[in-house]
Amino acid sequence: MASFAQFLGRRVTVQYRVGDVLLPASGTFSADSGRSIFLEQHVEQRGKRSYFRWEIPYPFIHKIEEAQEEAVEEPAQAEASSATQDAQQAAAASAASGSPSPSSVPLRPKTV
């Protein structure tokens, strides 16, 4: 059996077999015991941080590859940038129609 230690600490996507079905799992490659690999995924939901951990035995691994790095925004930042873009689009639309803007100051996004 091959060792997968070269993926240690990296974000990976794994396809593994459960019966006749291939399932995907993605997360940070946290350990390699020589018989199984362990993936971790940290999640924040409703202000509470938790994590999931998978143990996938070597014989069940179908494919493993390093995940592509994506620019992941924090949810609050994504909402703020969306609200700012909406405000800018509304201001541009009212300026194009010739109607005066009620406020030239951009709206601030609400924070939770």
PDB file of N, CA and C in Angstrom:
ATOM      1  N   MET A   1       0.838  -1.191   0.000  1.00  0.00           N
ATOM      2  CA  MET A   1       0.000   0.000   0.000  1.00  0.00           C
ATOM      3  C   MET A   1       0.878   1.248   0.000  1.00  0.00           C
ATOM      4  N   ALA A   2       0.437   2.265  -0.671  1.00  0.00           N
ATOM      5  CA  ALA A   2       1.185   3.513  -0.769  1.00  0.00           C
ATOM      6  C   ALA A   2       0.908   4.393   0.441  1.00  0.00           C
ATOM      7  N   SER A   3       1.883   5.190   0.786  1.00  0.00           N
ATOM      8  CA  SER A   3       1.715   6.157   1.861  1.00  0.00           C
ATOM      9  C   SER A   3       1.258   7.487   1.251  1.00  0.00           C
ATOM     10  N   PHE A   4       0.394   8.179   1.958  1.00  0.00           N
ATOM     11  CA  PHE A   4      -0.116   9.451   1.474  1.00  0.00           C
ATOM     12  C   PHE A   4       0.406  10.609   2.315  1.00  0.00           C
ATOM     13  N   ALA A   5       1.515  10.418   3.019  1.00  0.00           N
ATOM     14  CA  ALA A   5       2.045  11.425   3.931  1.00  0.00           C
ATOM     15  C   ALA A   5       2.428  12.728   3.226  1.00  0.00           C
ATOM     16  N   GLN A   6       2.651  12.710   1.916  1.00  0.00           N
ATOM     17  CA  GLN A   6       3.019  13.939   1.205  1.00  0.00           C
ATOM     18  C   GLN A   6       1.887  14.960   1.211  1.00  0.00           C
ATOM     19  N   PHE A   7       0.651  14.541   1.512  1.00  0.00           N
ATOM     20  CA  PHE A   7      -0.486  15.451   1.561  1.00  0.00           C
ATOM     21  C   PHE A   7      -0.705  16.063   2.946  1.00  0.00           C
ATOM     22  N   LEU A   8       0.102  15.692   3.928  1.00  0.00           N
ATOM     23  CA  LEU A   8      -0.089  16.120   5.311  1.00  0.00           C
ATOM     24  C   LEU A   8      -0.173  17.643   5.432  1.00  0.00           C
ATOM     25  N   GLY A   9      -1.263  18.123   6.035  1.00  0.00           N
ATOM     26  CA  GLY A   9      -1.473  19.552   6.246  1.00  0.00           C
ATOM     27  C   GLY A   9      -2.058  20.291   5.055  1.00  0.00           C
ATOM     28  N   ARG A  10      -2.297  19.623   3.960  1.00  0.00           N
ATOM     29  CA  ARG A  10      -2.834  20.277   2.757  1.00  0.00           C
ATOM     30  C   ARG A  10      -4.323  19.999   2.606  1.00  0.00           C
ATOM     31  N   ARG A  11      -5.001  20.873   1.856  1.00  0.00           N
ATOM     32  CA  ARG A  11      -6.415  20.650   1.546  1.00  0.00           C
ATOM     33  C   ARG A  11      -6.489  19.637   0.414  1.00  0.00           C
ATOM     34  N   VAL A  12      -7.270  18.582   0.614  1.00  0.00           N
ATOM     35  CA  VAL A  12      -7.383  17.531  -0.382  1.00  0.00           C
ATOM     36  C   VAL A  12      -8.845  17.184  -0.634  1.00  0.00           C
ATOM     37  N   THR A  13      -9.080  16.553  -1.769  1.00  0.00           N
ATOM     38  CA  THR A  13     -10.375  15.974  -2.101  1.00  0.00           C
ATOM     39  C   THR A  13     -10.139  14.485  -2.317  1.00  0.00           C
ATOM     40  N   VAL A  14     -10.941  13.672  -1.646  1.00  0.00           N
ATOM     41  CA  VAL A  14     -10.776  12.223  -1.694  1.00  0.00           C
ATOM     42  C   VAL A  14     -12.074  11.601  -2.197  1.00  0.00           C
ATOM     43  N   GLN A  15     -11.969  10.672  -3.121  1.00  0.00           N
ATOM     44  CA  GLN A  15     -13.099   9.833  -3.486  1.00  0.00           C
ATOM     45  C   GLN A  15     -12.838   8.478  -2.854  1.00  0.00           C
ATOM     46  N   TYR A  16     -13.820   8.001  -2.073  1.00  0.00           N
ATOM     47  CA  TYR A  16     -13.653   6.711  -1.434  1.00  0.00           C
ATOM     48  C   TYR A  16     -14.888   5.851  -1.661  1.00  0.00           C
ATOM     49  N   ARG A  17     -14.666   4.559  -1.612  1.00  0.00           N
ATOM     50  CA  ARG A  17     -15.715   3.601  -1.941  1.00  0.00           C
ATOM     51  C   ARG A  17     -16.395   3.125  -0.667  1.00  0.00           C
ATOM     52  N   VAL A  18     -17.737   3.158  -0.688  1.00  0.00           N
ATOM     53  CA  VAL A  18     -18.555   2.577   0.372  1.00  0.00           C
ATOM     54  C   VAL A  18     -19.535   1.648  -0.325  1.00  0.00           C
ATOM     55  N   GLY A  19     -19.275   0.358  -0.249  1.00  0.00           N
ATOM     56  CA  GLY A  19     -20.087  -0.602  -0.999  1.00  0.00           C
ATOM     57  C   GLY A  19     -19.861  -0.397  -2.483  1.00  0.00           C
ATOM     58  N   ASP A  20     -20.931  -0.141  -3.225  1.00  0.00           N
ATOM     59  CA  ASP A  20     -20.834   0.089  -4.668  1.00  0.00           C
ATOM     60  C   ASP A  20     -20.843   1.565  -5.024  1.00  0.00           C
ATOM     61  N   VAL A  21     -20.763   2.443  -4.025  1.00  0.00           N
ATOM     62  CA  VAL A  21     -20.902   3.879  -4.249  1.00  0.00           C
ATOM     63  C   VAL A  21     -19.572   4.587  -3.981  1.00  0.00           C
ATOM     64  N   LEU A  22     -19.233   5.550  -4.846  1.00  0.00           N
ATOM     65  CA  LEU A  22     -18.085   6.416  -4.599  1.00  0.00           C
ATOM     66  C   LEU A  22     -18.583   7.709  -3.962  1.00  0.00           C
ATOM     67  N   LEU A  23     -18.004   8.077  -2.824  1.00  0.00           N
ATOM     68  CA  LEU A  23     -18.382   9.303  -2.129  1.00  0.00           C
ATOM     69  C   LEU A  23     -17.210  10.269  -2.090  1.00  0.00           C
ATOM     70  N   PRO A  24     -17.485  11.576  -2.202  1.00  0.00           N
ATOM     71  CA  PRO A  24     -16.409  12.562  -2.093  1.00  0.00           C
ATOM     72  C   PRO A  24     -16.285  13.061  -0.659  1.00  0.00           C
ATOM     73  N   ALA A  25     -15.085  13.431  -0.292  1.00  0.00           N
ATOM     74  CA  ALA A  25     -14.824  14.086   0.992  1.00  0.00           C
ATOM     75  C   ALA A  25     -13.724  15.095   0.741  1.00  0.00           C
ATOM     76  N   SER A  26     -13.852  16.279   1.337  1.00  0.00           N
ATOM     77  CA  SER A  26     -12.785  17.267   1.201  1.00  0.00           C
ATOM     78  C   SER A  26     -12.516  17.870   2.558  1.00  0.00           C
ATOM     79  N   GLY A  27     -11.270  18.193   2.781  1.00  0.00           N
ATOM     80  CA  GLY A  27     -10.865  18.767   4.049  1.00  0.00           C
ATOM     81  C   GLY A  27      -9.357  18.837   4.119  1.00  0.00           C
ATOM     82  N   THR A  28      -8.873  19.122   5.293  1.00  0.00           N
ATOM     83  CA  THR A  28      -7.433  19.188   5.515  1.00  0.00           C
ATOM     84  C   THR A  28      -6.936  17.802   5.898  1.00  0.00           C
ATOM     85  N   PHE A  29      -5.915  17.343   5.212  1.00  0.00           N
ATOM     86  CA  PHE A  29      -5.317  16.038   5.486  1.00  0.00           C
ATOM     87  C   PHE A  29      -4.584  16.164   6.810  1.00  0.00           C
ATOM     88  N   SER A  30      -5.113  15.550   7.868  1.00  0.00           N
ATOM     89  CA  SER A  30      -4.545  15.779   9.195  1.00  0.00           C
ATOM     90  C   SER A  30      -3.627  14.667   9.677  1.00  0.00           C
ATOM     91  N   ALA A  31      -3.790  13.425   9.180  1.00  0.00           N
ATOM     92  CA  ALA A  31      -2.927  12.342   9.659  1.00  0.00           C
ATOM     93  C   ALA A  31      -2.936  11.169   8.679  1.00  0.00           C
ATOM     94  N   ASP A  32      -1.865  10.367   8.769  1.00  0.00           N
ATOM     95  CA  ASP A  32      -1.729   9.143   7.989  1.00  0.00           C
ATOM     96  C   ASP A  32      -1.166   8.088   8.931  1.00  0.00           C
ATOM     97  N   SER A  33      -1.985   7.098   9.274  1.00  0.00           N
ATOM     98  CA  SER A  33      -1.561   6.083  10.246  1.00  0.00           C
ATOM     99  C   SER A  33      -0.802   4.927   9.602  1.00  0.00           C
ATOM    100  N   GLY A  34      -0.756   4.873   8.283  1.00  0.00           N
ATOM    101  CA  GLY A  34      -0.161   3.739   7.601  1.00  0.00           C
ATOM    102  C   GLY A  34      -1.213   2.736   7.166  1.00  0.00           C
ATOM    103  N   ARG A  35      -2.406   2.826   7.738  1.00  0.00           N
ATOM    104  CA  ARG A  35      -3.535   1.979   7.353  1.00  0.00           C
ATOM    105  C   ARG A  35      -4.731   2.813   6.920  1.00  0.00           C
ATOM    106  N   SER A  36      -4.821   4.035   7.443  1.00  0.00           N
ATOM    107  CA  SER A  36      -5.945   4.934   7.162  1.00  0.00           C
ATOM    108  C   SER A  36      -5.431   6.350   7.031  1.00  0.00           C
ATOM    109  N   ILE A  37      -6.248   7.189   6.376  1.00  0.00           N
ATOM    110  CA  ILE A  37      -5.966   8.621   6.371  1.00  0.00           C
ATOM    111  C   ILE A  37      -7.073   9.305   7.166  1.00  0.00           C
ATOM    112  N   PHE A  38      -6.767  10.496   7.674  1.00  0.00           N
ATOM    113  CA  PHE A  38      -7.718  11.264   8.458  1.00  0.00           C
ATOM    114  C   PHE A  38      -7.852  12.653   7.852  1.00  0.00           C
ATOM    115  N   LEU A  39      -9.089  13.064   7.606  1.00  0.00           N
ATOM    116  CA  LEU A  39      -9.384  14.396   7.086  1.00  0.00           C
ATOM    117  C   LEU A  39     -10.132  15.172   8.153  1.00  0.00           C
ATOM    118  N   GLU A  40      -9.895  16.479   8.220  1.00  0.00           N
ATOM    119  CA  GLU A  40     -10.620  17.362   9.126  1.00  0.00           C
ATOM    120  C   GLU A  40     -11.215  18.505   8.342  1.00  0.00           C
ATOM    121  N   GLN A  41     -12.405  18.935   8.760  1.00  0.00           N
ATOM    122  CA  GLN A  41     -13.034  20.104   8.162  1.00  0.00           C
ATOM    123  C   GLN A  41     -13.629  20.927   9.294  1.00  0.00           C
ATOM    124  N   HIS A  42     -13.194  22.188   9.400  1.00  0.00           N
ATOM    125  CA  HIS A  42     -13.690  23.089  10.436  1.00  0.00           C
ATOM    126  C   HIS A  42     -14.879  23.866   9.896  1.00  0.00           C
ATOM    127  N   VAL A  43     -15.911  23.999  10.745  1.00  0.00           N
ATOM    128  CA  VAL A  43     -17.152  24.651  10.342  1.00  0.00           C
ATOM    129  C   VAL A  43     -17.575  25.610  11.447  1.00  0.00           C
ATOM    130  N   GLU A  44     -18.050  26.785  11.045  1.00  0.00           N
ATOM    131  CA  GLU A  44     -18.627  27.710  12.009  1.00  0.00           C
ATOM    132  C   GLU A  44     -20.081  27.920  11.624  1.00  0.00           C
ATOM    133  N   GLN A  45     -20.973  27.604  12.568  1.00  0.00           N
ATOM    134  CA  GLN A  45     -22.396  27.723  12.296  1.00  0.00           C
ATOM    135  C   GLN A  45     -23.063  28.340  13.515  1.00  0.00           C
ATOM    136  N   ARG A  46     -23.754  29.452  13.263  1.00  0.00           N
ATOM    137  CA  ARG A  46     -24.429  30.193  14.330  1.00  0.00           C
ATOM    138  C   ARG A  46     -23.466  30.588  15.439  1.00  0.00           C
ATOM    139  N   GLY A  47     -22.262  30.973  15.061  1.00  0.00           N
ATOM    140  CA  GLY A  47     -21.266  31.426  16.017  1.00  0.00           C
ATOM    141  C   GLY A  47     -20.569  30.320  16.781  1.00  0.00           C
ATOM    142  N   LYS A  48     -20.896  29.084  16.514  1.00  0.00           N
ATOM    143  CA  LYS A  48     -20.274  27.969  17.212  1.00  0.00           C
ATOM    144  C   LYS A  48     -19.330  27.244  16.266  1.00  0.00           C
ATOM    145  N   ARG A  49     -18.069  27.100  16.685  1.00  0.00           N
ATOM    146  CA  ARG A  49     -17.083  26.393  15.867  1.00  0.00           C
ATOM    147  C   ARG A  49     -17.099  24.916  16.206  1.00  0.00           C
ATOM    148  N   SER A  50     -17.109  24.090  15.174  1.00  0.00           N
ATOM    149  CA  SER A  50     -17.017  22.649  15.360  1.00  0.00           C
ATOM    150  C   SER A  50     -16.224  22.074  14.200  1.00  0.00           C
ATOM    151  N   TYR A  51     -15.928  20.802  14.258  1.00  0.00           N
ATOM    152  CA  TYR A  51     -15.209  20.191  13.153  1.00  0.00           C
ATOM    153  C   TYR A  51     -15.685  18.772  12.936  1.00  0.00           C
ATOM    154  N   PHE A  52     -15.497  18.316  11.715  1.00  0.00           N
ATOM    155  CA  PHE A  52     -15.787  16.945  11.338  1.00  0.00           C
ATOM    156  C   PHE A  52     -14.462  16.262  11.064  1.00  0.00           C
ATOM    157  N   ARG A  53     -14.380  15.009  11.401  1.00  0.00           N
ATOM    158  CA  ARG A  53     -13.168  14.245  11.117  1.00  0.00           C
ATOM    159  C   ARG A  53     -13.574  12.921  10.481  1.00  0.00           C
ATOM    160  N   TRP A  54     -12.916  12.577   9.374  1.00  0.00           N
ATOM    161  CA  TRP A  54     -13.155  11.322   8.688  1.00  0.00           C
ATOM    162  C   TRP A  54     -11.937  10.437   8.837  1.00  0.00           C
ATOM    163  N   GLU A  55     -12.156   9.151   9.004  1.00  0.00           N
ATOM    164  CA  GLU A  55     -11.095   8.157   8.894  1.00  0.00           C
ATOM    165  C   GLU A  55     -11.444   7.304   7.691  1.00  0.00           C
ATOM    166  N   ILE A  56     -10.536   7.259   6.731  1.00  0.00           N
ATOM    167  CA  ILE A  56     -10.780   6.494   5.507  1.00  0.00           C
ATOM    168  C   ILE A  56      -9.660   5.459   5.371  1.00  0.00           C
ATOM    169  N   PRO A  57      -9.986   4.175   5.495  1.00  0.00           N
ATOM    170  CA  PRO A  57      -8.970   3.128   5.347  1.00  0.00           C
ATOM    171  C   PRO A  57      -8.390   3.110   3.924  1.00  0.00           C
ATOM    172  N   TYR A  58      -7.107   2.775   3.830  1.00  0.00           N
ATOM    173  CA  TYR A  58      -6.438   2.723   2.530  1.00  0.00           C
ATOM    174  C   TYR A  58      -7.203   1.922   1.471  1.00  0.00           C
ATOM    175  N   PRO A  59      -7.717   0.719   1.791  1.00  0.00           N
ATOM    176  CA  PRO A  59      -8.370  -0.068   0.729  1.00  0.00           C
ATOM    177  C   PRO A  59      -9.613   0.603   0.139  1.00  0.00           C
ATOM    178  N   PHE A  60     -10.218   1.561   0.845  1.00  0.00           N
ATOM    179  CA  PHE A  60     -11.436   2.217   0.366  1.00  0.00           C
ATOM    180  C   PHE A  60     -11.151   3.449  -0.483  1.00  0.00           C
ATOM    181  N   ILE A  61      -9.904   3.922  -0.491  1.00  0.00           N
ATOM    182  CA  ILE A  61      -9.556   5.138  -1.236  1.00  0.00           C
ATOM    183  C   ILE A  61      -9.526   4.820  -2.724  1.00  0.00           C
ATOM    184  N   HIS A  62     -10.312   5.575  -3.473  1.00  0.00           N
ATOM    185  CA  HIS A  62     -10.337   5.422  -4.928  1.00  0.00           C
ATOM    186  C   HIS A  62      -9.397   6.432  -5.580  1.00  0.00           C
ATOM    187  N   LYS A  63      -9.484   7.700  -5.143  1.00  0.00           N
ATOM    188  CA  LYS A  63      -8.649   8.760  -5.717  1.00  0.00           C
ATOM    189  C   LYS A  63      -8.434   9.829  -4.661  1.00  0.00           C
ATOM    190  N   ILE A  64      -7.237  10.388  -4.625  1.00  0.00           N
ATOM    191  CA  ILE A  64      -6.938  11.496  -3.728  1.00  0.00           C
ATOM    192  C   ILE A  64      -6.140  12.534  -4.511  1.00  0.00           C
ATOM    193  N   GLU A  65      -6.532  13.795  -4.378  1.00  0.00           N
ATOM    194  CA  GLU A  65      -5.817  14.863  -5.074  1.00  0.00           C
ATOM    195  C   GLU A  65      -5.866  16.125  -4.230  1.00  0.00           C
ATOM    196  N   GLU A  66      -4.855  16.947  -4.412  1.00  0.00           N
ATOM    197  CA  GLU A  66      -4.805  18.214  -3.688  1.00  0.00           C
ATOM    198  C   GLU A  66      -5.876  19.148  -4.246  1.00  0.00           C
ATOM    199  N   ALA A  67      -6.616  19.788  -3.342  1.00  0.00           N
ATOM    200  CA  ALA A  67      -7.693  20.696  -3.744  1.00  0.00           C
ATOM    201  C   ALA A  67      -7.094  21.986  -4.283  1.00  0.00           C
ATOM    202  N   GLN A  68      -7.774  22.577  -5.259  1.00  0.00           N
ATOM    203  CA  GLN A  68      -7.339  23.851  -5.813  1.00  0.00           C
ATOM    204  C   GLN A  68      -7.610  24.936  -4.790  1.00  0.00           C
ATOM    205  N   GLU A  69      -6.657  25.836  -4.613  1.00  0.00           N
ATOM    206  CA  GLU A  69      -6.835  26.944  -3.681  1.00  0.00           C
ATOM    207  C   GLU A  69      -7.837  27.915  -4.263  1.00  0.00           C
ATOM    208  N   GLU A  70      -8.865  28.208  -3.501  1.00  0.00           N
ATOM    209  CA  GLU A  70      -9.890  29.152  -3.922  1.00  0.00           C
ATOM    210  C   GLU A  70      -9.893  30.324  -2.955  1.00  0.00           C
ATOM    211  N   ALA A  71     -10.264  31.472  -3.461  1.00  0.00           N
ATOM    212  CA  ALA A  71     -10.397  32.640  -2.592  1.00  0.00           C
ATOM    213  C   ALA A  71     -11.720  32.501  -1.854  1.00  0.00           C
ATOM    214  N   VAL A  72     -11.638  32.152  -0.582  1.00  0.00           N
ATOM    215  CA  VAL A  72     -12.829  31.944   0.222  1.00  0.00           C
ATOM    216  C   VAL A  72     -13.033  33.165   1.101  1.00  0.00           C
ATOM    217  N   GLU A  73     -14.188  33.800   0.962  1.00  0.00           N
ATOM    218  CA  GLU A  73     -14.501  34.963   1.769  1.00  0.00           C
ATOM    219  C   GLU A  73     -15.241  34.523   3.016  1.00  0.00           C
ATOM    220  N   GLU A  74     -15.051  35.272   4.088  1.00  0.00           N
ATOM    221  CA  GLU A  74     -15.851  35.056   5.281  1.00  0.00           C
ATOM    222  C   GLU A  74     -17.288  35.411   4.946  1.00  0.00           C
ATOM    223  N   PRO A  75     -18.280  34.726   5.517  1.00  0.00           N
ATOM    224  CA  PRO A  75     -19.675  35.034   5.208  1.00  0.00           C
ATOM    225  C   PRO A  75     -20.034  36.490   5.478  1.00  0.00           C
ATOM    226  N   ALA A  76     -19.534  37.070   6.563  1.00  0.00           N
ATOM    227  CA  ALA A  76     -19.852  38.463   6.877  1.00  0.00           C
ATOM    228  C   ALA A  76     -19.262  39.391   5.817  1.00  0.00           C
ATOM    229  N   GLN A  77     -18.066  39.084   5.338  1.00  0.00           N
ATOM    230  CA  GLN A  77     -17.450  39.901   4.303  1.00  0.00           C
ATOM    231  C   GLN A  77     -18.212  39.779   2.996  1.00  0.00           C
ATOM    232  N   ALA A  78     -18.678  38.586   2.688  1.00  0.00           N
ATOM    233  CA  ALA A  78     -19.436  38.385   1.458  1.00  0.00           C
ATOM    234  C   ALA A  78     -20.737  39.175   1.501  1.00  0.00           C
ATOM    235  N   GLU A  79     -21.421  39.177   2.659  1.00  0.00           N
ATOM    236  CA  GLU A  79     -22.659  39.939   2.791  1.00  0.00           C
ATOM    237  C   GLU A  79     -22.380  41.430   2.677  1.00  0.00           C
ATOM    238  N   ALA A  80     -21.278  41.891   3.300  1.00  0.00           N
ATOM    239  CA  ALA A  80     -20.932  43.303   3.258  1.00  0.00           C
ATOM    240  C   ALA A  80     -20.615  43.747   1.838  1.00  0.00           C
ATOM    241  N   SER A  81     -19.843  42.924   1.114  1.00  0.00           N
ATOM    242  CA  SER A  81     -19.510  43.310  -0.256  1.00  0.00           C
ATOM    243  C   SER A  81     -20.753  43.268  -1.138  1.00  0.00           C
ATOM    244  N   SER A  82     -21.669  42.338  -0.883  1.00  0.00           N
ATOM    245  CA  SER A  82     -22.910  42.262  -1.640  1.00  0.00           C
ATOM    246  C   SER A  82     -23.780  43.487  -1.373  1.00  0.00           C
ATOM    247  N   ALA A  83     -23.872  43.899  -0.109  1.00  0.00           N
ATOM    248  CA  ALA A  83     -24.674  45.068   0.249  1.00  0.00           C
ATOM    249  C   ALA A  83     -24.074  46.335  -0.359  1.00  0.00           C
ATOM    250  N   THR A  84     -22.754  46.436  -0.354  1.00  0.00           N
ATOM    251  CA  THR A  84     -22.090  47.597  -0.943  1.00  0.00           C
ATOM    252  C   THR A  84     -22.330  47.645  -2.440  1.00  0.00           C
ATOM    253  N   GLN A  85     -22.239  46.499  -3.113  1.00  0.00           N
ATOM    254  CA  GLN A  85     -22.478  46.457  -4.552  1.00  0.00           C
ATOM    255  C   GLN A  85     -23.921  46.826  -4.873  1.00  0.00           C
ATOM    256  N   ASP A  86     -24.875  46.347  -4.062  1.00  0.00           N
ATOM    257  CA  ASP A  86     -26.284  46.690  -4.280  1.00  0.00           C
ATOM    258  C   ASP A  86     -26.494  48.196  -4.142  1.00  0.00           C
ATOM    259  N   ALA A  87     -25.869  48.799  -3.120  1.00  0.00           N
ATOM    260  CA  ALA A  87     -26.013  50.236  -2.904  1.00  0.00           C
ATOM    261  C   ALA A  87     -25.408  51.020  -4.070  1.00  0.00           C
ATOM    262  N   GLN A  88     -24.260  50.573  -4.559  1.00  0.00           N
ATOM    263  CA  GLN A  88     -23.610  51.247  -5.677  1.00  0.00           C
ATOM    264  C   GLN A  88     -24.453  51.128  -6.946  1.00  0.00           C
ATOM    265  N   GLN A  89     -25.043  49.966  -7.173  1.00  0.00           N
ATOM    266  CA  GLN A  89     -25.881  49.785  -8.356  1.00  0.00           C
ATOM    267  C   GLN A  89     -27.129  50.656  -8.278  1.00  0.00           C
ATOM    268  N   ALA A  90     -27.714  50.763  -7.084  1.00  0.00           N
ATOM    269  CA  ALA A  90     -28.903  51.599  -6.915  1.00  0.00           C
ATOM    270  C   ALA A  90     -28.562  53.059  -7.148  1.00  0.00           C
ATOM    271  N   ALA A  91     -27.404  53.515  -6.646  1.00  0.00           N
ATOM    272  CA  ALA A  91     -26.982  54.900  -6.833  1.00  0.00           C
ATOM    273  C   ALA A  91     -26.723  55.179  -8.311  1.00  0.00           C
ATOM    274  N   ALA A  92     -26.101  54.225  -8.989  1.00  0.00           N
ATOM    275  CA  ALA A  92     -25.822  54.410 -10.416  1.00  0.00           C
ATOM    276  C   ALA A  92     -27.125  54.460 -11.210  1.00  0.00           C
ATOM    277  N   ALA A  93     -28.092  53.641 -10.850  1.00  0.00           N
ATOM    278  CA  ALA A  93     -29.371  53.627 -11.557  1.00  0.00           C
ATOM    279  C   ALA A  93     -30.129  54.932 -11.352  1.00  0.00           C
ATOM    280  N   SER A  94     -30.109  55.466 -10.116  1.00  0.00           N
ATOM    281  CA  SER A  94     -30.822  56.719  -9.871  1.00  0.00           C
ATOM    282  C   SER A  94     -30.104  57.893 -10.535  1.00  0.00           C
ATOM    283  N   ALA A  95     -28.781  57.843 -10.598  1.00  0.00           N
ATOM    284  CA  ALA A  95     -28.035  58.910 -11.266  1.00  0.00           C
ATOM    285  C   ALA A  95     -28.313  58.882 -12.768  1.00  0.00           C
ATOM    286  N   ALA A  96     -28.444  57.692 -13.319  1.00  0.00           N
ATOM    287  CA  ALA A  96     -28.716  57.568 -14.751  1.00  0.00           C
ATOM    288  C   ALA A  96     -30.124  58.056 -15.089  1.00  0.00           C
ATOM    289  N   SER A  97     -31.057  57.908 -14.141  1.00  0.00           N
ATOM    290  CA  SER A  97     -32.432  58.333 -14.411  1.00  0.00           C
ATOM    291  C   SER A  97     -32.624  59.828 -14.169  1.00  0.00           C
ATOM    292  N   GLY A  98     -31.634  60.483 -13.559  1.00  0.00           N
ATOM    293  CA  GLY A  98     -31.711  61.919 -13.343  1.00  0.00           C
ATOM    294  C   GLY A  98     -32.384  62.297 -12.033  1.00  0.00           C
ATOM    295  N   SER A  99     -32.853  61.336 -11.249  1.00  0.00           N
ATOM    296  CA  SER A  99     -33.469  61.668  -9.972  1.00  0.00           C
ATOM    297  C   SER A  99     -32.402  61.870  -8.907  1.00  0.00           C
ATOM    298  N   PRO A 100     -32.623  62.812  -7.996  1.00  0.00           N
ATOM    299  CA  PRO A 100     -31.617  63.068  -6.964  1.00  0.00           C
ATOM    300  C   PRO A 100     -31.535  61.895  -5.981  1.00  0.00           C
ATOM    301  N   SER A 101     -30.348  61.665  -5.485  1.00  0.00           N
ATOM    302  CA  SER A 101     -30.116  60.588  -4.533  1.00  0.00           C
ATOM    303  C   SER A 101     -30.481  61.061  -3.130  1.00  0.00           C
ATOM    304  N   PRO A 102     -31.175  60.252  -2.327  1.00  0.00           N
ATOM    305  CA  PRO A 102     -31.528  60.676  -0.976  1.00  0.00           C
ATOM    306  C   PRO A 102     -30.291  60.848  -0.102  1.00  0.00           C
ATOM    307  N   SER A 103     -29.260  60.125  -0.379  1.00  0.00           N
ATOM    308  CA  SER A 103     -28.051  60.241   0.424  1.00  0.00           C
ATOM    309  C   SER A 103     -26.865  59.880  -0.447  1.00  0.00           C
ATOM    310  N   SER A 104     -25.829  60.684  -0.383  1.00  0.00           N
ATOM    311  CA  SER A 104     -24.645  60.375  -1.169  1.00  0.00           C
ATOM    312  C   SER A 104     -23.681  59.498  -0.376  1.00  0.00           C
ATOM    313  N   VAL A 105     -23.991  59.236   0.888  1.00  0.00           N
ATOM    314  CA  VAL A 105     -23.150  58.390   1.720  1.00  0.00           C
ATOM    315  C   VAL A 105     -23.577  56.936   1.488  1.00  0.00           C
ATOM    316  N   PRO A 106     -22.616  56.031   1.199  1.00  0.00           N
ATOM    317  CA  PRO A 106     -22.998  54.628   0.970  1.00  0.00           C
ATOM    318  C   PRO A 106     -23.533  54.006   2.252  1.00  0.00           C
ATOM    319  N   LEU A 107     -24.452  53.069   2.093  1.00  0.00           N
ATOM    320  CA  LEU A 107     -25.031  52.371   3.231  1.00  0.00           C
ATOM    321  C   LEU A 107     -24.006  51.450   3.858  1.00  0.00           C
ATOM    322  N   ARG A 108     -24.022  51.380   5.181  1.00  0.00           N
ATOM    323  CA  ARG A 108     -23.126  50.467   5.875  1.00  0.00           C
ATOM    324  C   ARG A 108     -23.868  49.152   6.122  1.00  0.00           C
ATOM    325  N   PRO A 109     -23.216  48.032   5.905  1.00  0.00           N
ATOM    326  CA  PRO A 109     -23.883  46.753   6.141  1.00  0.00           C
ATOM    327  C   PRO A 109     -24.098  46.528   7.638  1.00  0.00           C
ATOM    328  N   LYS A 110     -25.179  45.892   7.969  1.00  0.00           N
ATOM    329  CA  LYS A 110     -25.467  45.563   9.360  1.00  0.00           C
ATOM    330  C   LYS A 110     -24.551  44.423   9.779  1.00  0.00           C
ATOM    331  N   THR A 111     -24.043  44.501  10.990  1.00  0.00           N
ATOM    332  CA  THR A 111     -23.214  43.431  11.516  1.00  0.00           C
ATOM    333  C   THR A 111     -24.025  42.668  12.543  1.00  0.00           C
ATOM    334  N   VAL A 112     -23.761  41.397  12.595  1.00  0.00           N
ATOM    335  CA  VAL A 112     -24.524  40.536  13.492  1.00  0.00           C
ATOM    336  C   VAL A 112     -23.742  40.318  14.754  1.00  0.00           C
TER     337      VAL A 112
END
